[in-house]
Amino acid sequence: MCLRLARLLRSLVSSMGKWMIAYGRIWVYIPPSAQPPRPDSRPLTGPVRGHPERLCPEVPLNEIELALRRELLGSSGAEP
């Protein structure tokens, strides 16, 4: 008898939990995910000064980097 009552109570609590989750999804406002506007309109040029992955234009690209560049930018490898 006690085991049967415990199962019934567990089932009731589980059902109430699922009902409350569903009810919350209906009535809680979730704002749309949008990117905030950038404060300035400057084009992005690369990492900031002192960044550990800064760009080095004076160092030529190796074979793998050249192949990746050709794959991304097309057969010529020239920037658009």
PDB file of N, CA and C in Angstrom:
ATOM      1  N   MET A   1       0.823  -1.193   0.000  1.00  0.00           N
ATOM      2  CA  MET A   1       0.000   0.000   0.000  1.00  0.00           C
ATOM      3  C   MET A   1       0.870   1.261   0.000  1.00  0.00           C
ATOM      4  N   CYS A   2       1.869   1.274   0.867  1.00  0.00           N
ATOM      5  CA  CYS A   2       2.755   2.436   0.975  1.00  0.00           C
ATOM      6  C   CYS A   2       3.560   2.622  -0.310  1.00  0.00           C
ATOM      7  N   LEU A   3       4.015   1.517  -0.895  1.00  0.00           N
ATOM      8  CA  LEU A   3       4.771   1.571  -2.146  1.00  0.00           C
ATOM      9  C   LEU A   3       3.893   2.097  -3.281  1.00  0.00           C
ATOM     10  N   ARG A   4       2.660   1.684  -3.300  1.00  0.00           N
ATOM     11  CA  ARG A   4       1.726   2.139  -4.314  1.00  0.00           C
ATOM     12  C   ARG A   4       1.452   3.636  -4.199  1.00  0.00           C
ATOM     13  N   LEU A   5       1.328   4.098  -2.969  1.00  0.00           N
ATOM     14  CA  LEU A   5       1.111   5.526  -2.720  1.00  0.00           C
ATOM     15  C   LEU A   5       2.343   6.336  -3.122  1.00  0.00           C
ATOM     16  N   ALA A   6       3.532   5.802  -2.855  1.00  0.00           N
ATOM     17  CA  ALA A   6       4.768   6.491  -3.226  1.00  0.00           C
ATOM     18  C   ALA A   6       4.874   6.624  -4.744  1.00  0.00           C
ATOM     19  N   ARG A   7       4.520   5.568  -5.476  1.00  0.00           N
ATOM     20  CA  ARG A   7       4.558   5.621  -6.937  1.00  0.00           C
ATOM     21  C   ARG A   7       3.558   6.644  -7.469  1.00  0.00           C
ATOM     22  N   LEU A   8       2.383   6.665  -6.897  1.00  0.00           N
ATOM     23  CA  LEU A   8       1.364   7.621  -7.310  1.00  0.00           C
ATOM     24  C   LEU A   8       1.824   9.058  -7.062  1.00  0.00           C
ATOM     25  N   LEU A   9       2.420   9.287  -5.901  1.00  0.00           N
ATOM     26  CA  LEU A   9       2.916  10.615  -5.557  1.00  0.00           C
ATOM     27  C   LEU A   9       4.055  11.023  -6.483  1.00  0.00           C
ATOM     28  N   ARG A  10       4.975  10.110  -6.776  1.00  0.00           N
ATOM     29  CA  ARG A  10       6.092  10.391  -7.674  1.00  0.00           C
ATOM     30  C   ARG A  10       5.570  10.732  -9.071  1.00  0.00           C
ATOM     31  N   SER A  11       4.584   9.984  -9.538  1.00  0.00           N
ATOM     32  CA  SER A  11       3.992  10.232 -10.844  1.00  0.00           C
ATOM     33  C   SER A  11       3.316  11.610 -10.877  1.00  0.00           C
ATOM     34  N   LEU A  12       2.618  11.944  -9.805  1.00  0.00           N
ATOM     35  CA  LEU A  12       1.939  13.233  -9.722  1.00  0.00           C
ATOM     36  C   LEU A  12       2.936  14.391  -9.736  1.00  0.00           C
ATOM     37  N   VAL A  13       4.002  14.267  -8.961  1.00  0.00           N
ATOM     38  CA  VAL A  13       5.017  15.331  -8.905  1.00  0.00           C
ATOM     39  C   VAL A  13       5.720  15.460 -10.250  1.00  0.00           C
ATOM     40  N   SER A  14       6.026  14.341 -10.883  1.00  0.00           N
ATOM     41  CA  SER A  14       6.678  14.368 -12.195  1.00  0.00           C
ATOM     42  C   SER A  14       5.780  15.043 -13.228  1.00  0.00           C
ATOM     43  N   SER A  15       4.505  14.702 -13.220  1.00  0.00           N
ATOM     44  CA  SER A  15       3.563  15.315 -14.155  1.00  0.00           C
ATOM     45  C   SER A  15       3.427  16.807 -13.906  1.00  0.00           C
ATOM     46  N   MET A  16       3.385  17.202 -12.646  1.00  0.00           N
ATOM     47  CA  MET A  16       3.283  18.629 -12.318  1.00  0.00           C
ATOM     48  C   MET A  16       4.526  19.379 -12.791  1.00  0.00           C
ATOM     49  N   GLY A  17       5.697  18.755 -12.640  1.00  0.00           N
ATOM     50  CA  GLY A  17       6.935  19.392 -13.103  1.00  0.00           C
ATOM     51  C   GLY A  17       6.916  19.615 -14.599  1.00  0.00           C
ATOM     52  N   LYS A  18       6.488  18.598 -15.349  1.00  0.00           N
ATOM     53  CA  LYS A  18       6.406  18.736 -16.803  1.00  0.00           C
ATOM     54  C   LYS A  18       5.373  19.780 -17.195  1.00  0.00           C
ATOM     55  N   TRP A  19       4.250  19.829 -16.491  1.00  0.00           N
ATOM     56  CA  TRP A  19       3.216  20.821 -16.778  1.00  0.00           C
ATOM     57  C   TRP A  19       3.737  22.231 -16.524  1.00  0.00           C
ATOM     58  N   MET A  20       4.476  22.412 -15.423  1.00  0.00           N
ATOM     59  CA  MET A  20       4.995  23.748 -15.092  1.00  0.00           C
ATOM     60  C   MET A  20       6.029  24.204 -16.124  1.00  0.00           C
ATOM     61  N   ILE A  21       6.854  23.279 -16.629  1.00  0.00           N
ATOM     62  CA  ILE A  21       7.822  23.637 -17.666  1.00  0.00           C
ATOM     63  C   ILE A  21       7.096  24.080 -18.927  1.00  0.00           C
ATOM     64  N   ALA A  22       6.089  23.325 -19.334  1.00  0.00           N
ATOM     65  CA  ALA A  22       5.321  23.686 -20.536  1.00  0.00           C
ATOM     66  C   ALA A  22       4.619  25.027 -20.342  1.00  0.00           C
ATOM     67  N   TYR A  23       4.041  25.250 -19.189  1.00  0.00           N
ATOM     68  CA  TYR A  23       3.347  26.508 -18.905  1.00  0.00           C
ATOM     69  C   TYR A  23       4.342  27.676 -18.940  1.00  0.00           C
ATOM     70  N   GLY A  24       5.510  27.472 -18.394  1.00  0.00           N
ATOM     71  CA  GLY A  24       6.524  28.529 -18.404  1.00  0.00           C
ATOM     72  C   GLY A  24       7.001  28.871 -19.798  1.00  0.00           C
ATOM     73  N   ARG A  25       7.113  27.873 -20.661  1.00  0.00           N
ATOM     74  CA  ARG A  25       7.538  28.134 -22.039  1.00  0.00           C
ATOM     75  C   ARG A  25       6.504  28.965 -22.778  1.00  0.00           C
ATOM     76  N   ILE A  26       5.260  28.816 -22.440  1.00  0.00           N
ATOM     77  CA  ILE A  26       4.208  29.582 -23.106  1.00  0.00           C
ATOM     78  C   ILE A  26       4.212  31.034 -22.621  1.00  0.00           C
ATOM     79  N   TRP A  27       4.382  31.261 -21.329  1.00  0.00           N
ATOM     80  CA  TRP A  27       4.177  32.586 -20.762  1.00  0.00           C
ATOM     81  C   TRP A  27       5.440  33.390 -20.506  1.00  0.00           C
ATOM     82  N   VAL A  28       6.603  32.827 -20.697  1.00  0.00           N
ATOM     83  CA  VAL A  28       7.843  33.573 -20.467  1.00  0.00           C
ATOM     84  C   VAL A  28       8.315  34.136 -21.793  1.00  0.00           C
ATOM     85  N   TYR A  29       8.549  35.439 -21.843  1.00  0.00           N
ATOM     86  CA  TYR A  29       9.010  36.082 -23.071  1.00  0.00           C
ATOM     87  C   TYR A  29      10.495  35.811 -23.252  1.00  0.00           C
ATOM     88  N   ILE A  30      10.859  35.290 -24.404  1.00  0.00           N
ATOM     89  CA  ILE A  30      12.260  35.079 -24.747  1.00  0.00           C
ATOM     90  C   ILE A  30      12.552  35.989 -25.929  1.00  0.00           C
ATOM     91  N   PRO A  31      13.400  37.003 -25.737  1.00  0.00           N
ATOM     92  CA  PRO A  31      13.656  37.959 -26.826  1.00  0.00           C
ATOM     93  C   PRO A  31      14.382  37.282 -27.981  1.00  0.00           C
ATOM     94  N   PRO A  32      14.204  37.794 -29.194  1.00  0.00           N
ATOM     95  CA  PRO A  32      14.886  37.200 -30.340  1.00  0.00           C
ATOM     96  C   PRO A  32      16.393  37.400 -30.229  1.00  0.00           C
ATOM     97  N   SER A  33      17.115  36.418 -30.674  1.00  0.00           N
ATOM     98  CA  SER A  33      18.573  36.483 -30.631  1.00  0.00           C
ATOM     99  C   SER A  33      19.056  37.288 -31.831  1.00  0.00           C
ATOM    100  N   ALA A  34      19.599  38.445 -31.570  1.00  0.00           N
ATOM    101  CA  ALA A  34      20.102  39.298 -32.648  1.00  0.00           C
ATOM    102  C   ALA A  34      21.437  39.893 -32.222  1.00  0.00           C
ATOM    103  N   GLN A  35      22.277  40.110 -33.191  1.00  0.00           N
ATOM    104  CA  GLN A  35      23.571  40.726 -32.911  1.00  0.00           C
ATOM    105  C   GLN A  35      23.357  42.207 -32.597  1.00  0.00           C
ATOM    106  N   PRO A  36      23.959  42.704 -31.519  1.00  0.00           N
ATOM    107  CA  PRO A  36      23.832  44.137 -31.239  1.00  0.00           C
ATOM    108  C   PRO A  36      24.594  44.942 -32.291  1.00  0.00           C
ATOM    109  N   PRO A  37      24.127  46.141 -32.598  1.00  0.00           N
ATOM    110  CA  PRO A  37      24.833  46.943 -33.603  1.00  0.00           C
ATOM    111  C   PRO A  37      26.227  47.321 -33.102  1.00  0.00           C
ATOM    112  N   ARG A  38      27.159  47.329 -34.026  1.00  0.00           N
ATOM    113  CA  ARG A  38      28.532  47.713 -33.662  1.00  0.00           C
ATOM    114  C   ARG A  38      28.577  49.205 -33.381  1.00  0.00           C
ATOM    115  N   PRO A  39      29.347  49.638 -32.377  1.00  0.00           N
ATOM    116  CA  PRO A  39      29.391  51.066 -32.048  1.00  0.00           C
ATOM    117  C   PRO A  39      30.027  51.911 -33.139  1.00  0.00           C
ATOM    118  N   ASP A  40      30.916  51.336 -33.948  1.00  0.00           N
ATOM    119  CA  ASP A  40      31.538  52.099 -35.026  1.00  0.00           C
ATOM    120  C   ASP A  40      31.344  51.338 -36.332  1.00  0.00           C
ATOM    121  N   SER A  41      31.528  52.012 -37.427  1.00  0.00           N
ATOM    122  CA  SER A  41      31.294  51.374 -38.712  1.00  0.00           C
ATOM    123  C   SER A  41      32.594  51.069 -39.451  1.00  0.00           C
ATOM    124  N   ARG A  42      33.710  51.089 -38.731  1.00  0.00           N
ATOM    125  CA  ARG A  42      34.986  50.773 -39.377  1.00  0.00           C
ATOM    126  C   ARG A  42      35.004  49.301 -39.795  1.00  0.00           C
ATOM    127  N   PRO A  43      35.611  48.985 -40.931  1.00  0.00           N
ATOM    128  CA  PRO A  43      35.706  47.577 -41.327  1.00  0.00           C
ATOM    129  C   PRO A  43      36.680  46.831 -40.408  1.00  0.00           C
ATOM    130  N   LEU A  44      36.412  45.574 -40.209  1.00  0.00           N
ATOM    131  CA  LEU A  44      37.297  44.766 -39.377  1.00  0.00           C
ATOM    132  C   LEU A  44      38.566  44.471 -40.155  1.00  0.00           C
ATOM    133  N   THR A  45      39.721  44.705 -39.534  1.00  0.00           N
ATOM    134  CA  THR A  45      40.989  44.525 -40.235  1.00  0.00           C
ATOM    135  C   THR A  45      41.822  43.379 -39.683  1.00  0.00           C
ATOM    136  N   GLY A  46      41.538  42.906 -38.521  1.00  0.00           N
ATOM    137  CA  GLY A  46      42.310  41.813 -37.949  1.00  0.00           C
ATOM    138  C   GLY A  46      42.417  41.970 -36.450  1.00  0.00           C
ATOM    139  N   PRO A  47      43.235  41.151 -35.821  1.00  0.00           N
ATOM    140  CA  PRO A  47      43.395  41.226 -34.370  1.00  0.00           C
ATOM    141  C   PRO A  47      43.995  42.571 -33.939  1.00  0.00           C
ATOM    142  N   VAL A  48      43.707  42.955 -32.723  1.00  0.00           N
ATOM    143  CA  VAL A  48      44.234  44.212 -32.191  1.00  0.00           C
ATOM    144  C   VAL A  48      45.716  44.082 -31.900  1.00  0.00           C
ATOM    145  N   ARG A  49      46.377  45.214 -31.732  1.00  0.00           N
ATOM    146  CA  ARG A  49      47.807  45.223 -31.446  1.00  0.00           C
ATOM    147  C   ARG A  49      48.088  44.474 -30.137  1.00  0.00           C
ATOM    148  N   GLY A  50      49.110  43.641 -30.144  1.00  0.00           N
ATOM    149  CA  GLY A  50      49.479  42.889 -28.957  1.00  0.00           C
ATOM    150  C   GLY A  50      48.745  41.564 -28.818  1.00  0.00           C
ATOM    151  N   HIS A  51      47.829  41.272 -29.731  1.00  0.00           N
ATOM    152  CA  HIS A  51      47.104  40.001 -29.677  1.00  0.00           C
ATOM    153  C   HIS A  51      48.076  38.874 -30.020  1.00  0.00           C
ATOM    154  N   PRO A  52      48.015  37.744 -29.309  1.00  0.00           N
ATOM    155  CA  PRO A  52      48.974  36.671 -29.574  1.00  0.00           C
ATOM    156  C   PRO A  52      48.870  36.083 -30.986  1.00  0.00           C
ATOM    157  N   GLU A  53      47.745  36.265 -31.658  1.00  0.00           N
ATOM    158  CA  GLU A  53      47.587  35.744 -33.008  1.00  0.00           C
ATOM    159  C   GLU A  53      47.527  36.891 -34.017  1.00  0.00           C
ATOM    160  N   ARG A  54      48.383  37.867 -33.833  1.00  0.00           N
ATOM    161  CA  ARG A  54      48.351  39.010 -34.736  1.00  0.00           C
ATOM    162  C   ARG A  54      48.838  38.607 -36.121  1.00  0.00           C
ATOM    163  N   LEU A  55      48.448  39.390 -37.126  1.00  0.00           N
ATOM    164  CA  LEU A  55      48.834  39.104 -38.491  1.00  0.00           C
ATOM    165  C   LEU A  55      50.203  39.683 -38.787  1.00  0.00           C
ATOM    166  N   CYS A  56      51.000  38.983 -39.564  1.00  0.00           N
ATOM    167  CA  CYS A  56      52.334  39.446 -39.951  1.00  0.00           C
ATOM    168  C   CYS A  56      52.390  39.524 -41.472  1.00  0.00           C
ATOM    169  N   PRO A  57      52.079  40.675 -42.065  1.00  0.00           N
ATOM    170  CA  PRO A  57      52.070  40.765 -43.525  1.00  0.00           C
ATOM    171  C   PRO A  57      53.455  40.582 -44.144  1.00  0.00           C
ATOM    172  N   GLU A  58      54.510  40.784 -43.380  1.00  0.00           N
ATOM    173  CA  GLU A  58      55.858  40.648 -43.933  1.00  0.00           C
ATOM    174  C   GLU A  58      56.307  39.192 -44.047  1.00  0.00           C
ATOM    175  N   VAL A  59      55.586  38.259 -43.416  1.00  0.00           N
ATOM    176  CA  VAL A  59      55.930  36.842 -43.493  1.00  0.00           C
ATOM    177  C   VAL A  59      55.060  36.202 -44.578  1.00  0.00           C
ATOM    178  N   PRO A  60      55.696  35.571 -45.590  1.00  0.00           N
ATOM    179  CA  PRO A  60      54.893  34.966 -46.655  1.00  0.00           C
ATOM    180  C   PRO A  60      54.124  33.740 -46.152  1.00  0.00           C
ATOM    181  N   LEU A  61      53.009  33.434 -46.835  1.00  0.00           N
ATOM    182  CA  LEU A  61      52.201  32.284 -46.475  1.00  0.00           C
ATOM    183  C   LEU A  61      52.903  30.992 -46.887  1.00  0.00           C
ATOM    184  N   ASN A  62      52.740  29.948 -46.066  1.00  0.00           N
ATOM    185  CA  ASN A  62      53.316  28.656 -46.435  1.00  0.00           C
ATOM    186  C   ASN A  62      52.373  27.938 -47.397  1.00  0.00           C
ATOM    187  N   GLU A  63      52.751  26.717 -47.837  1.00  0.00           N
ATOM    188  CA  GLU A  63      51.973  26.007 -48.859  1.00  0.00           C
ATOM    189  C   GLU A  63      50.548  25.707 -48.395  1.00  0.00           C
ATOM    190  N   ILE A  64      50.393  25.292 -47.150  1.00  0.00           N
ATOM    191  CA  ILE A  64      49.065  24.965 -46.628  1.00  0.00           C
ATOM    192  C   ILE A  64      48.194  26.221 -46.573  1.00  0.00           C
ATOM    193  N   GLU A  65      48.768  27.314 -46.102  1.00  0.00           N
ATOM    194  CA  GLU A  65      48.010  28.562 -46.019  1.00  0.00           C
ATOM    195  C   GLU A  65      47.619  29.071 -47.408  1.00  0.00           C
ATOM    196  N   LEU A  66      48.526  28.906 -48.394  1.00  0.00           N
ATOM    197  CA  LEU A  66      48.192  29.308 -49.756  1.00  0.00           C
ATOM    198  C   LEU A  66      47.058  28.458 -50.322  1.00  0.00           C
ATOM    199  N   ALA A  67      47.084  27.144 -50.045  1.00  0.00           N
ATOM    200  CA  ALA A  67      46.014  26.267 -50.525  1.00  0.00           C
ATOM    201  C   ALA A  67      44.679  26.654 -49.884  1.00  0.00           C
ATOM    202  N   LEU A  68      44.690  26.958 -48.593  1.00  0.00           N
ATOM    203  CA  LEU A  68      43.470  27.383 -47.909  1.00  0.00           C
ATOM    204  C   LEU A  68      42.958  28.701 -48.473  1.00  0.00           C
ATOM    205  N   ARG A  69      43.883  29.614 -48.757  1.00  0.00           N
ATOM    206  CA  ARG A  69      43.484  30.911 -49.317  1.00  0.00           C
ATOM    207  C   ARG A  69      42.835  30.730 -50.692  1.00  0.00           C
ATOM    208  N   ARG A  70      43.452  29.844 -51.535  1.00  0.00           N
ATOM    209  CA  ARG A  70      42.865  29.577 -52.856  1.00  0.00           C
ATOM    210  C   ARG A  70      41.480  28.952 -52.718  1.00  0.00           C
ATOM    211  N   GLU A  71      41.331  28.059 -51.745  1.00  0.00           N
ATOM    212  CA  GLU A  71      40.044  27.400 -51.549  1.00  0.00           C
ATOM    213  C   GLU A  71      38.971  28.402 -51.107  1.00  0.00           C
ATOM    214  N   LEU A  72      39.343  29.331 -50.243  1.00  0.00           N
ATOM    215  CA  LEU A  72      38.378  30.295 -49.729  1.00  0.00           C
ATOM    216  C   LEU A  72      38.072  31.417 -50.719  1.00  0.00           C
ATOM    217  N   LEU A  73      39.079  31.891 -51.432  1.00  0.00           N
ATOM    218  CA  LEU A  73      38.892  33.053 -52.279  1.00  0.00           C
ATOM    219  C   LEU A  73      38.711  32.702 -53.743  1.00  0.00           C
ATOM    220  N   GLY A  74      38.813  31.469 -54.108  1.00  0.00           N
ATOM    221  CA  GLY A  74      38.679  31.075 -55.511  1.00  0.00           C
ATOM    222  C   GLY A  74      40.018  30.656 -56.065  1.00  0.00           C
ATOM    223  N   SER A  75      40.041  30.371 -57.345  1.00  0.00           N
ATOM    224  CA  SER A  75      41.253  29.822 -57.975  1.00  0.00           C
ATOM    225  C   SER A  75      42.386  30.829 -58.030  1.00  0.00           C
ATOM    226  N   SER A  76      42.080  32.121 -58.159  1.00  0.00           N
ATOM    227  CA  SER A  76      43.153  33.112 -58.296  1.00  0.00           C
ATOM    228  C   SER A  76      43.859  33.375 -56.976  1.00  0.00           C
ATOM    229  N   GLY A  77      43.133  33.255 -55.873  1.00  0.00           N
ATOM    230  CA  GLY A  77      43.735  33.521 -54.570  1.00  0.00           C
ATOM    231  C   GLY A  77      43.836  35.003 -54.271  1.00  0.00           C
ATOM    232  N   ALA A  78      43.328  35.835 -55.164  1.00  0.00           N
ATOM    233  CA  ALA A  78      43.357  37.274 -54.945  1.00  0.00           C
ATOM    234  C   ALA A  78      42.173  37.684 -54.104  1.00  0.00           C
ATOM    235  N   GLU A  79      42.375  38.689 -53.310  1.00  0.00           N
ATOM    236  CA  GLU A  79      41.286  39.176 -52.466  1.00  0.00           C
ATOM    237  C   GLU A  79      40.262  39.904 -53.320  1.00  0.00           C
ATOM    238  N   PRO A  80      39.001  39.816 -52.925  1.00  0.00           N
ATOM    239  CA  PRO A  80      37.933  40.477 -53.720  1.00  0.00           C
ATOM    240  C   PRO A  80      38.024  41.978 -53.689  1.00  0.00           C
TER     241      PRO A  80
END
